[in-house]
Amino acid sequence: MPAEPFRVAAAVYGILQDRGRVLLIRRSATGYRDGQLSLPAGHLDGGEDAVTGLVRELREELGIEADPQRCRLALLMHSAPEHPGDREYFHLFFAVERWSGEPFIAEPGKCSELCWVEASALPSDLADYVAEGLAAIARGDSLSLRGW
């Protein structure tokens, strides 16, 4: 009997920019990197493609409607497990070029702050892997390998 194929977890990240600024959220009460800034993001549920998952996450977290045709894959980050027992991840960073609605904290139980920050001066409390992803995108990289 053949072995079951290896499976990797996948998360999607939305990069919303306006006048040289990028929208960040402060994680709260999730049990993962609480208190750190990050991009709006979430896991794929399964049975949905990456863009559909991204649009769903942006609706759930920010109350906006992203235009799926204007969500462009900017970076694939393949990260090794952070701790024993963790899984490898595919982090899919998308530039969200058009959306409707004004972002707000739509999941106050998971997010304590929204802030627009200068893309050229990211804050020090940004989650390290997100900062690495944004730096890779700024360099023009399309693939980032983290922790290997």
C-alpha atoms as a PDB file:
ATOM      1  CA  MET A   1       0.000   0.000   0.000  1.00  0.00           C
ATOM      2  CA  PRO A   2       1.520   3.386  -0.972  1.00  0.00           C
ATOM      3  CA  ALA A   3       2.283   5.868   1.759  1.00  0.00           C
ATOM      4  CA  GLU A   4      -0.079   8.810   2.116  1.00  0.00           C
ATOM      5  CA  PRO A   5       1.332  11.872   0.354  1.00  0.00           C
ATOM      6  CA  PHE A   6       2.933  14.577   2.446  1.00  0.00           C
ATOM      7  CA  ARG A   7       0.580  17.468   3.232  1.00  0.00           C
ATOM      8  CA  VAL A   8       1.513  21.043   3.956  1.00  0.00           C
ATOM      9  CA  ALA A   9      -0.603  23.715   5.661  1.00  0.00           C
ATOM     10  CA  ALA A  10      -1.443  26.830   3.655  1.00  0.00           C
ATOM     11  CA  ALA A  11      -2.196  30.366   4.783  1.00  0.00           C
ATOM     12  CA  VAL A  12      -3.080  33.429   2.712  1.00  0.00           C
ATOM     13  CA  TYR A  13      -2.046  37.030   3.449  1.00  0.00           C
ATOM     14  CA  GLY A  14      -3.544  40.222   2.042  1.00  0.00           C
ATOM     15  CA  ILE A  15      -1.282  43.188   1.328  1.00  0.00           C
ATOM     16  CA  LEU A  16      -3.494  46.277   1.129  1.00  0.00           C
ATOM     17  CA  GLN A  17      -1.607  49.438   0.212  1.00  0.00           C
ATOM     18  CA  ASP A  18      -2.662  53.064   0.033  1.00  0.00           C
ATOM     19  CA  ARG A  19      -0.364  56.034  -0.682  1.00  0.00           C
ATOM     20  CA  GLY A  20       2.813  54.118   0.224  1.00  0.00           C
ATOM     21  CA  ARG A  21       1.302  52.648   3.373  1.00  0.00           C
ATOM     22  CA  VAL A  22       0.388  49.053   4.154  1.00  0.00           C
ATOM     23  CA  LEU A  23      -2.458  47.914   6.427  1.00  0.00           C
ATOM     24  CA  LEU A  24      -1.424  45.832   9.439  1.00  0.00           C
ATOM     25  CA  ILE A  25      -3.459  44.161  12.183  1.00  0.00           C
ATOM     26  CA  ARG A  26      -2.456  43.422  15.774  1.00  0.00           C
ATOM     27  CA  ARG A  27      -3.129  39.787  16.643  1.00  0.00           C
ATOM     28  CA  SER A  28      -5.034  39.171  19.856  1.00  0.00           C
ATOM     29  CA  ALA A  29      -6.351  36.162  21.805  1.00  0.00           C
ATOM     30  CA  THR A  30      -5.540  33.608  19.080  1.00  0.00           C
ATOM     31  CA  GLY A  31      -2.747  31.756  20.869  1.00  0.00           C
ATOM     32  CA  TYR A  32      -0.330  32.475  18.017  1.00  0.00           C
ATOM     33  CA  ARG A  33       1.898  35.561  18.052  1.00  0.00           C
ATOM     34  CA  ASP A  34      -0.617  37.531  20.064  1.00  0.00           C
ATOM     35  CA  GLY A  35       0.390  41.176  20.453  1.00  0.00           C
ATOM     36  CA  GLN A  36       2.404  41.203  17.232  1.00  0.00           C
ATOM     37  CA  LEU A  37       1.489  43.070  14.090  1.00  0.00           C
ATOM     38  CA  SER A  38       0.783  41.065  10.969  1.00  0.00           C
ATOM     39  CA  LEU A  39      -1.017  41.268   7.675  1.00  0.00           C
ATOM     40  CA  PRO A  40      -4.668  40.263   7.528  1.00  0.00           C
ATOM     41  CA  ALA A  41      -4.438  36.525   6.973  1.00  0.00           C
ATOM     42  CA  GLY A  42      -5.885  33.113   7.575  1.00  0.00           C
ATOM     43  CA  HIS A  43      -5.797  29.439   6.743  1.00  0.00           C
ATOM     44  CA  LEU A  44      -7.410  27.948   3.715  1.00  0.00           C
ATOM     45  CA  ASP A  45     -10.475  25.982   4.765  1.00  0.00           C
ATOM     46  CA  GLY A  46     -10.078  23.253   2.158  1.00  0.00           C
ATOM     47  CA  GLY A  47     -12.383  22.993  -0.793  1.00  0.00           C
ATOM     48  CA  GLU A  48     -11.553  26.570  -1.757  1.00  0.00           C
ATOM     49  CA  ASP A  49      -8.866  27.984  -4.001  1.00  0.00           C
ATOM     50  CA  ALA A  50      -6.285  30.408  -2.586  1.00  0.00           C
ATOM     51  CA  VAL A  51      -7.925  33.569  -3.968  1.00  0.00           C
ATOM     52  CA  THR A  52     -11.373  32.561  -2.696  1.00  0.00           C
ATOM     53  CA  GLY A  53      -9.827  31.895   0.723  1.00  0.00           C
ATOM     54  CA  LEU A  54      -8.104  35.268   0.692  1.00  0.00           C
ATOM     55  CA  VAL A  55     -11.301  37.115  -0.245  1.00  0.00           C
ATOM     56  CA  ARG A  56     -13.168  35.252   2.536  1.00  0.00           C
ATOM     57  CA  GLU A  57     -10.498  36.086   5.124  1.00  0.00           C
ATOM     58  CA  LEU A  58     -10.479  39.776   4.174  1.00  0.00           C
ATOM     59  CA  ARG A  59     -14.276  39.867   4.487  1.00  0.00           C
ATOM     60  CA  GLU A  60     -14.167  38.090   7.878  1.00  0.00           C
ATOM     61  CA  GLU A  61     -11.290  40.130   9.342  1.00  0.00           C
ATOM     62  CA  LEU A  62     -11.698  43.567   7.758  1.00  0.00           C
ATOM     63  CA  GLY A  63     -15.305  43.688   6.533  1.00  0.00           C
ATOM     64  CA  ILE A  64     -14.211  44.513   2.979  1.00  0.00           C
ATOM     65  CA  GLU A  65     -14.906  42.929  -0.392  1.00  0.00           C
ATOM     66  CA  ALA A  66     -11.723  42.305  -2.365  1.00  0.00           C
ATOM     67  CA  ASP A  67     -11.926  42.026  -6.141  1.00  0.00           C
ATOM     68  CA  PRO A  68     -10.668  38.468  -6.853  1.00  0.00           C
ATOM     69  CA  GLN A  69      -9.455  39.569 -10.299  1.00  0.00           C
ATOM     70  CA  ARG A  70      -7.225  42.166  -8.625  1.00  0.00           C
ATOM     71  CA  CYS A  71      -5.545  39.853  -6.088  1.00  0.00           C
ATOM     72  CA  ARG A  72      -2.070  39.069  -7.406  1.00  0.00           C
ATOM     73  CA  LEU A  73       0.231  36.448  -5.897  1.00  0.00           C
ATOM     74  CA  ALA A  74       3.315  38.379  -4.816  1.00  0.00           C
ATOM     75  CA  LEU A  75       5.266  35.713  -2.892  1.00  0.00           C
ATOM     76  CA  LEU A  76       5.214  32.062  -1.922  1.00  0.00           C
ATOM     77  CA  MET A  77       7.075  31.487   1.340  1.00  0.00           C
ATOM     78  CA  HIS A  78       7.794  27.854   2.219  1.00  0.00           C
ATOM     79  CA  SER A  79       8.655  27.702   5.896  1.00  0.00           C
ATOM     80  CA  ALA A  80      10.019  24.847   7.941  1.00  0.00           C
ATOM     81  CA  PRO A  81       8.259  23.981  11.217  1.00  0.00           C
ATOM     82  CA  GLU A  82       8.937  26.623  13.884  1.00  0.00           C
ATOM     83  CA  HIS A  83       8.790  24.165  16.781  1.00  0.00           C
ATOM     84  CA  PRO A  84       8.782  20.366  17.148  1.00  0.00           C
ATOM     85  CA  GLY A  85       5.317  19.069  16.288  1.00  0.00           C
ATOM     86  CA  ASP A  86       4.536  22.048  14.019  1.00  0.00           C
ATOM     87  CA  ARG A  87       3.858  21.683  10.309  1.00  0.00           C
ATOM     88  CA  GLU A  88       5.564  23.122   7.288  1.00  0.00           C
ATOM     89  CA  TYR A  89       3.678  26.039   5.760  1.00  0.00           C
ATOM     90  CA  PHE A  90       3.039  27.561   2.394  1.00  0.00           C
ATOM     91  CA  HIS A  91       2.436  31.253   3.071  1.00  0.00           C
ATOM     92  CA  LEU A  92       0.829  32.878   0.029  1.00  0.00           C
ATOM     93  CA  PHE A  93       1.233  36.666   0.072  1.00  0.00           C
ATOM     94  CA  PHE A  94      -1.189  38.490  -2.237  1.00  0.00           C
ATOM     95  CA  ALA A  95      -1.138  42.120  -3.337  1.00  0.00           C
ATOM     96  CA  VAL A  96      -4.765  43.228  -3.091  1.00  0.00           C
ATOM     97  CA  GLU A  97      -5.055  45.924  -5.724  1.00  0.00           C
ATOM     98  CA  ARG A  98      -8.768  46.721  -5.393  1.00  0.00           C
ATOM     99  CA  TRP A  99     -11.394  46.356  -2.694  1.00  0.00           C
ATOM    100  CA  SER A 100     -14.630  48.000  -1.647  1.00  0.00           C
ATOM    101  CA  GLY A 101     -15.498  49.176   1.820  1.00  0.00           C
ATOM    102  CA  GLU A 102     -13.450  50.759   4.563  1.00  0.00           C
ATOM    103  CA  PRO A 103     -11.389  48.257   6.593  1.00  0.00           C
ATOM    104  CA  PHE A 104     -12.428  47.888  10.218  1.00  0.00           C
ATOM    105  CA  ILE A 105     -11.878  45.320  12.965  1.00  0.00           C
ATOM    106  CA  ALA A 106     -14.547  42.793  12.039  1.00  0.00           C
ATOM    107  CA  GLU A 107     -13.199  40.108  14.413  1.00  0.00           C
ATOM    108  CA  PRO A 108     -12.518  41.964  17.679  1.00  0.00           C
ATOM    109  CA  GLY A 109     -11.863  38.653  19.425  1.00  0.00           C
ATOM    110  CA  LYS A 110      -8.810  38.071  17.202  1.00  0.00           C
ATOM    111  CA  CYS A 111      -7.578  41.575  16.433  1.00  0.00           C
ATOM    112  CA  SER A 112      -7.032  44.539  18.755  1.00  0.00           C
ATOM    113  CA  GLU A 113      -5.772  47.177  16.295  1.00  0.00           C
ATOM    114  CA  LEU A 114      -5.636  48.175  12.639  1.00  0.00           C
ATOM    115  CA  CYS A 115      -2.917  50.547  11.516  1.00  0.00           C
ATOM    116  CA  TRP A 116      -1.619  51.938   8.257  1.00  0.00           C
ATOM    117  CA  VAL A 117       2.189  52.109   8.335  1.00  0.00           C
ATOM    118  CA  GLU A 118       4.763  53.340   5.860  1.00  0.00           C
ATOM    119  CA  ALA A 119       5.810  50.376   3.731  1.00  0.00           C
ATOM    120  CA  SER A 120       9.376  51.703   3.798  1.00  0.00           C
ATOM    121  CA  ALA A 121       9.495  51.842   7.621  1.00  0.00           C
ATOM    122  CA  LEU A 122       7.857  48.711   9.016  1.00  0.00           C
ATOM    123  CA  PRO A 123       7.490  48.558  12.817  1.00  0.00           C
ATOM    124  CA  SER A 124       9.776  46.378  14.922  1.00  0.00           C
ATOM    125  CA  ASP A 125       6.862  44.425  16.414  1.00  0.00           C
ATOM    126  CA  LEU A 126       5.804  43.081  13.010  1.00  0.00           C
ATOM    127  CA  ALA A 127       5.876  39.251  13.041  1.00  0.00           C
ATOM    128  CA  ASP A 128       9.330  38.241  11.796  1.00  0.00           C
ATOM    129  CA  TYR A 129       8.166  35.966   8.990  1.00  0.00           C
ATOM    130  CA  VAL A 130       5.773  38.659   7.712  1.00  0.00           C
ATOM    131  CA  ALA A 131       8.605  41.214   7.744  1.00  0.00           C
ATOM    132  CA  GLU A 132      10.776  38.723   5.830  1.00  0.00           C
ATOM    133  CA  GLY A 133       7.982  38.174   3.310  1.00  0.00           C
ATOM    134  CA  LEU A 134       7.459  41.887   2.719  1.00  0.00           C
ATOM    135  CA  ALA A 135      11.224  42.404   2.338  1.00  0.00           C
ATOM    136  CA  ALA A 136      11.385  39.565  -0.212  1.00  0.00           C
ATOM    137  CA  ILE A 137       8.541  41.138  -2.188  1.00  0.00           C
ATOM    138  CA  ALA A 138      10.307  44.533  -2.116  1.00  0.00           C
ATOM    139  CA  ARG A 139      13.413  42.838  -3.580  1.00  0.00           C
ATOM    140  CA  GLY A 140      11.296  41.325  -6.348  1.00  0.00           C
ATOM    141  CA  ASP A 141      11.577  37.752  -5.089  1.00  0.00           C
ATOM    142  CA  SER A 142       8.693  35.410  -5.872  1.00  0.00           C
ATOM    143  CA  LEU A 143       9.844  32.544  -3.609  1.00  0.00           C
ATOM    144  CA  SER A 144      11.214  32.628  -0.083  1.00  0.00           C
ATOM    145  CA  LEU A 145      12.501  29.602   1.831  1.00  0.00           C
ATOM    146  CA  ARG A 146      12.424  30.130   5.594  1.00  0.00           C
ATOM    147  CA  GLY A 147      14.042  27.949   8.211  1.00  0.00           C
ATOM    148  CA  TRP A 148      15.545  25.314   5.959  1.00  0.00           C
END
